[in-house]
C-alpha atoms as a PDB file:
ATOM      1  CA  MET A   1       0.290   0.032   0.086  1.00  0.00           C
ATOM      2  CA  LYS A   2       3.018   2.641   0.795  1.00  0.00           C
ATOM      3  CA  THR A   3       4.536   1.786  -2.578  1.00  0.00           C
ATOM      4  CA  LEU A   4       0.810   2.403  -4.470  1.00  0.00           C
ATOM      5  CA  PHE A   5       0.880   6.224  -2.366  1.00  0.00           C
ATOM      6  CA  LYS A   6       4.534   6.721  -3.347  1.00  0.00           C
ATOM      7  CA  PHE A   7       3.519   5.849  -7.045  1.00  0.00           C
ATOM      8  CA  PHE A   8       0.834   7.994  -6.903  1.00  0.00           C
ATOM      9  CA  LEU A   9       2.413  11.196  -5.253  1.00  0.00           C
ATOM     10  CA  ILE A  10       5.726  10.646  -8.106  1.00  0.00           C
ATOM     11  CA  THR A  11       2.724  10.472 -10.828  1.00  0.00           C
ATOM     12  CA  ILE A  12       1.162  13.458  -9.146  1.00  0.00           C
ATOM     13  CA  SER A  13       4.176  15.634  -9.022  1.00  0.00           C
ATOM     14  CA  VAL A  14       5.489  14.621 -12.688  1.00  0.00           C
ATOM     15  CA  SER A  15       2.170  15.916 -14.082  1.00  0.00           C
ATOM     16  CA  SER A  16       2.405  19.207 -12.228  1.00  0.00           C
ATOM     17  CA  ALA A  17       5.935  19.748 -13.526  1.00  0.00           C
ATOM     18  CA  SER A  18       4.445  18.922 -17.082  1.00  0.00           C
ATOM     19  CA  ILE A  19       1.934  21.390 -16.557  1.00  0.00           C
ATOM     20  CA  SER A  20       3.291  24.277 -15.332  1.00  0.00           C
ATOM     21  CA  LEU A  21       6.125  24.139 -18.399  1.00  0.00           C
ATOM     22  CA  SER A  22       3.487  24.515 -20.957  1.00  0.00           C
ATOM     23  CA  GLN A  23       1.515  27.063 -18.950  1.00  0.00           C
ATOM     24  CA  ASP A  24       5.330  28.849 -19.340  1.00  0.00           C
ATOM     25  CA  ALA A  25       5.633  27.939 -22.870  1.00  0.00           C
ATOM     26  CA  HIS A  26       2.286  29.037 -24.096  1.00  0.00           C
ATOM     27  CA  PRO A  27       1.452  32.417 -22.826  1.00  0.00           C
ATOM     28  CA  GLU A  28      -2.655  32.727 -21.864  1.00  0.00           C
ATOM     29  CA  TYR A  29      -4.597  35.578 -23.744  1.00  0.00           C
ATOM     30  CA  VAL A  30      -5.818  37.789 -21.116  1.00  0.00           C
ATOM     31  CA  SER A  31      -8.113  41.161 -22.063  1.00  0.00           C
ATOM     32  CA  MET A  32      -7.236  44.038 -20.018  1.00  0.00           C
ATOM     33  CA  ILE A  33     -10.498  43.898 -18.221  1.00  0.00           C
ATOM     34  CA  SER A  34      -9.830  40.229 -16.808  1.00  0.00           C
ATOM     35  CA  LEU A  35      -6.217  41.723 -16.169  1.00  0.00           C
ATOM     36  CA  ILE A  36      -7.177  44.389 -13.966  1.00  0.00           C
ATOM     37  CA  SER A  37     -10.193  43.095 -12.496  1.00  0.00           C
ATOM     38  CA  ASN A  38      -8.672  39.253 -10.982  1.00  0.00           C
ATOM     39  CA  PRO A  39      -4.663  40.389 -11.120  1.00  0.00           C
ATOM     40  CA  GLU A  40      -4.000  37.950  -8.505  1.00  0.00           C
ATOM     41  CA  ARG A  41      -5.504  35.276 -10.916  1.00  0.00           C
ATOM     42  CA  TYR A  42      -1.994  35.807 -13.352  1.00  0.00           C
ATOM     43  CA  GLU A  43       0.195  36.735 -10.773  1.00  0.00           C
ATOM     44  CA  ASN A  44       3.677  35.288 -12.133  1.00  0.00           C
ATOM     45  CA  LYS A  45       2.244  33.803 -15.272  1.00  0.00           C
ATOM     46  CA  LEU A  46       3.459  34.141 -18.683  1.00  0.00           C
ATOM     47  CA  ILE A  47       0.286  36.370 -20.432  1.00  0.00           C
ATOM     48  CA  ARG A  48      -0.621  38.083 -23.518  1.00  0.00           C
ATOM     49  CA  VAL A  49      -2.526  41.425 -23.245  1.00  0.00           C
ATOM     50  CA  ARG A  50      -3.671  44.017 -25.844  1.00  0.00           C
ATOM     51  CA  GLY A  51      -4.097  47.611 -25.040  1.00  0.00           C
ATOM     52  CA  TYR A  52      -3.098  51.204 -25.894  1.00  0.00           C
ATOM     53  CA  PHE A  53       0.487  52.044 -25.343  1.00  0.00           C
ATOM     54  CA  PHE A  54       1.879  54.997 -23.432  1.00  0.00           C
ATOM     55  CA  HIS A  55       5.504  55.674 -23.406  1.00  0.00           C
ATOM     56  CA  SER A  56       6.179  58.819 -20.859  1.00  0.00           C
ATOM     57  CA  SER A  57       9.801  57.647 -20.333  1.00  0.00           C
ATOM     58  CA  SER A  58      12.269  54.131 -19.069  1.00  0.00           C
ATOM     59  CA  SER A  59      10.277  54.127 -15.955  1.00  0.00           C
ATOM     60  CA  TYR A  60       6.969  55.242 -16.577  1.00  0.00           C
ATOM     61  CA  ASN A  61       5.779  53.118 -19.525  1.00  0.00           C
ATOM     62  CA  PHE A  62       1.762  52.101 -19.122  1.00  0.00           C
ATOM     63  CA  LEU A  63      -0.616  49.779 -21.406  1.00  0.00           C
ATOM     64  CA  TYR A  64      -4.314  50.856 -20.568  1.00  0.00           C
ATOM     65  CA  ASP A  65      -7.320  49.356 -22.198  1.00  0.00           C
ATOM     66  CA  ASN A  66      -8.297  52.053 -24.464  1.00  0.00           C
ATOM     67  CA  ILE A  67      -7.173  55.664 -25.426  1.00  0.00           C
ATOM     68  CA  GLU A  68     -10.013  57.296 -23.783  1.00  0.00           C
ATOM     69  CA  ASP A  69      -8.610  55.343 -20.110  1.00  0.00           C
ATOM     70  CA  HIS A  70      -5.005  57.031 -21.166  1.00  0.00           C
ATOM     71  CA  LYS A  71      -6.450  60.315 -22.129  1.00  0.00           C
ATOM     72  CA  GLY A  72      -8.674  60.420 -18.663  1.00  0.00           C
ATOM     73  CA  GLY A  73      -5.489  59.701 -16.492  1.00  0.00           C
ATOM     74  CA  LEU A  74      -7.011  56.311 -15.177  1.00  0.00           C
ATOM     75  CA  LEU A  75      -3.809  54.946 -13.943  1.00  0.00           C
ATOM     76  CA  LYS A  76      -6.232  51.974 -12.058  1.00  0.00           C
ATOM     77  CA  ASN A  77      -7.212  51.158 -15.380  1.00  0.00           C
ATOM     78  CA  SER A  78      -3.793  50.535 -16.624  1.00  0.00           C
ATOM     79  CA  ILE A  79      -0.666  48.492 -16.239  1.00  0.00           C
ATOM     80  CA  GLY A  80       3.239  49.589 -16.100  1.00  0.00           C
ATOM     81  CA  VAL A  81       5.343  47.819 -18.694  1.00  0.00           C
ATOM     82  CA  HIS A  82       8.649  47.160 -17.855  1.00  0.00           C
ATOM     83  CA  PRO A  83      11.468  45.081 -19.661  1.00  0.00           C
ATOM     84  CA  ILE A  84      12.283  41.550 -18.845  1.00  0.00           C
ATOM     85  CA  PRO A  85      14.499  41.061 -15.765  1.00  0.00           C
ATOM     86  CA  LYS A  86      18.005  39.972 -16.889  1.00  0.00           C
ATOM     87  CA  ASN A  87      17.983  36.648 -14.802  1.00  0.00           C
ATOM     88  CA  PHE A  88      14.142  35.427 -16.142  1.00  0.00           C
ATOM     89  CA  GLN A  89      14.801  32.322 -17.676  1.00  0.00           C
ATOM     90  CA  ILE A  90      13.224  33.189 -21.589  1.00  0.00           C
ATOM     91  CA  PRO A  91      11.519  29.732 -22.771  1.00  0.00           C
ATOM     92  CA  GLU A  92      13.431  28.678 -26.132  1.00  0.00           C
ATOM     93  CA  GLN A  93      10.918  29.709 -28.690  1.00  0.00           C
ATOM     94  CA  TYR A  94      10.916  33.291 -27.589  1.00  0.00           C
ATOM     95  CA  LYS A  95      14.680  33.990 -27.927  1.00  0.00           C
ATOM     96  CA  ASP A  96      14.924  35.125 -31.346  1.00  0.00           C
ATOM     97  CA  LYS A  97      11.850  37.454 -31.134  1.00  0.00           C
ATOM     98  CA  ILE A  98      13.353  39.511 -27.833  1.00  0.00           C
ATOM     99  CA  GLY A  99      14.681  42.911 -29.001  1.00  0.00           C
ATOM    100  CA  LYS A 100      13.803  43.427 -32.408  1.00  0.00           C
ATOM    101  CA  LYS A 101      12.123  47.323 -31.631  1.00  0.00           C
ATOM    102  CA  PRO A 102      12.585  49.675 -28.750  1.00  0.00           C
ATOM    103  CA  LEU A 103       9.240  50.327 -26.871  1.00  0.00           C
ATOM    104  CA  THR A 104       9.785  53.802 -27.930  1.00  0.00           C
ATOM    105  CA  ASP A 105       8.633  52.754 -31.706  1.00  0.00           C
ATOM    106  CA  VAL A 106       5.051  51.664 -30.271  1.00  0.00           C
ATOM    107  CA  HIS A 107       4.251  54.798 -28.128  1.00  0.00           C
ATOM    108  CA  ALA A 108       0.728  55.804 -28.513  1.00  0.00           C
ATOM    109  CA  LYS A 109      -0.022  52.516 -30.297  1.00  0.00           C
ATOM    110  CA  TYR A 110      -2.268  49.594 -30.137  1.00  0.00           C
ATOM    111  CA  VAL A 111       0.260  46.674 -28.792  1.00  0.00           C
ATOM    112  CA  THR A 112       0.101  42.946 -27.687  1.00  0.00           C
ATOM    113  CA  PHE A 113       2.838  42.517 -25.055  1.00  0.00           C
ATOM    114  CA  THR A 114       4.058  38.765 -24.389  1.00  0.00           C
ATOM    115  CA  GLY A 115       5.345  38.526 -20.813  1.00  0.00           C
ATOM    116  CA  ARG A 116       5.442  37.968 -17.167  1.00  0.00           C
ATOM    117  CA  PHE A 117       2.543  39.629 -15.075  1.00  0.00           C
ATOM    118  CA  ARG A 118       3.272  40.559 -11.521  1.00  0.00           C
ATOM    119  CA  GLN A 119       0.852  42.404  -9.250  1.00  0.00           C
ATOM    120  CA  HIS A 120       2.693  42.465  -6.334  1.00  0.00           C
ATOM    121  CA  LEU A 121       4.656  46.370  -6.643  1.00  0.00           C
ATOM    122  CA  PRO A 122       7.250  47.798  -4.143  1.00  0.00           C
ATOM    123  CA  TYR A 123       4.539  50.399  -3.723  1.00  0.00           C
ATOM    124  CA  ARG A 124       1.303  50.332  -3.591  1.00  0.00           C
ATOM    125  CA  ILE A 125      -1.005  53.271  -3.786  1.00  0.00           C
ATOM    126  CA  SER A 126      -4.476  53.298  -5.478  1.00  0.00           C
ATOM    127  CA  SER A 127      -4.429  55.369  -8.332  1.00  0.00           C
ATOM    128  CA  LEU A 128      -1.472  53.122  -9.353  1.00  0.00           C
ATOM    129  CA  PRO A 129      -1.426  50.702 -12.056  1.00  0.00           C
ATOM    130  CA  THR A 130      -3.023  47.452 -11.221  1.00  0.00           C
ATOM    131  CA  GLY A 131       0.746  45.821 -11.371  1.00  0.00           C
ATOM    132  CA  ILE A 132       2.718  45.356 -14.138  1.00  0.00           C
ATOM    133  CA  ILE A 133       3.931  43.450 -17.539  1.00  0.00           C
ATOM    134  CA  GLU A 134       7.838  42.480 -17.502  1.00  0.00           C
ATOM    135  CA  VAL A 135       7.621  42.024 -21.608  1.00  0.00           C
ATOM    136  CA  LEU A 136       9.335  39.387 -23.491  1.00  0.00           C
ATOM    137  CA  PHE A 137       8.319  40.930 -26.632  1.00  0.00           C
ATOM    138  CA  PHE A 138       5.555  42.821 -28.545  1.00  0.00           C
ATOM    139  CA  GLU A 139       3.499  42.958 -31.559  1.00  0.00           C
ATOM    140  CA  ASP A 140       2.077  46.293 -32.895  1.00  0.00           C
ATOM    141  CA  TYR A 141      -0.923  47.314 -35.503  1.00  0.00           C
ATOM    142  CA  PRO A 142      -0.166  49.796 -38.237  1.00  0.00           C
END
C-alpha cells in the first residue's frame, strides 16, 4: 500500500511539472478588463495582453485598455510596462523575438505584449497601475 501511495505522489508531481512547463511555454491571452479585475489570477504567469501603450520615460510606461483611459489619466485602468529582468529564464521559442525593436517605436499605439505579469509592486497606492508586465516581446498594429 505504501508503494502504491508513493507511486501516486510521484505521478502527481510529474504531471504538475509538465503542466507548469506548458503554461510557461504558451502564454495565456488575457483581456485588460480581466487582468485589471482579477490580477491575482495571473500573478507570475506568462500572458499576452493587448491595449493602448503610452511611453513617457524609461521608468513610466503604461498599457491602458483604450485611448480614452489614457486621456482621462485612469492609472487604475492600466498596467505598468517594463523590460523582462535579466535573470528571467526565457522560453527557447521566444529567444529570437526579443529585442527586435525598442518600446519607443510603439508609443501611442495599440500593442500586444507577451511577458510575465506581476501584481505585487514595491509601492501600492490606489491610483497607481494594477501591476506590471515584464515584456518578452510585442506586436504592434498599423
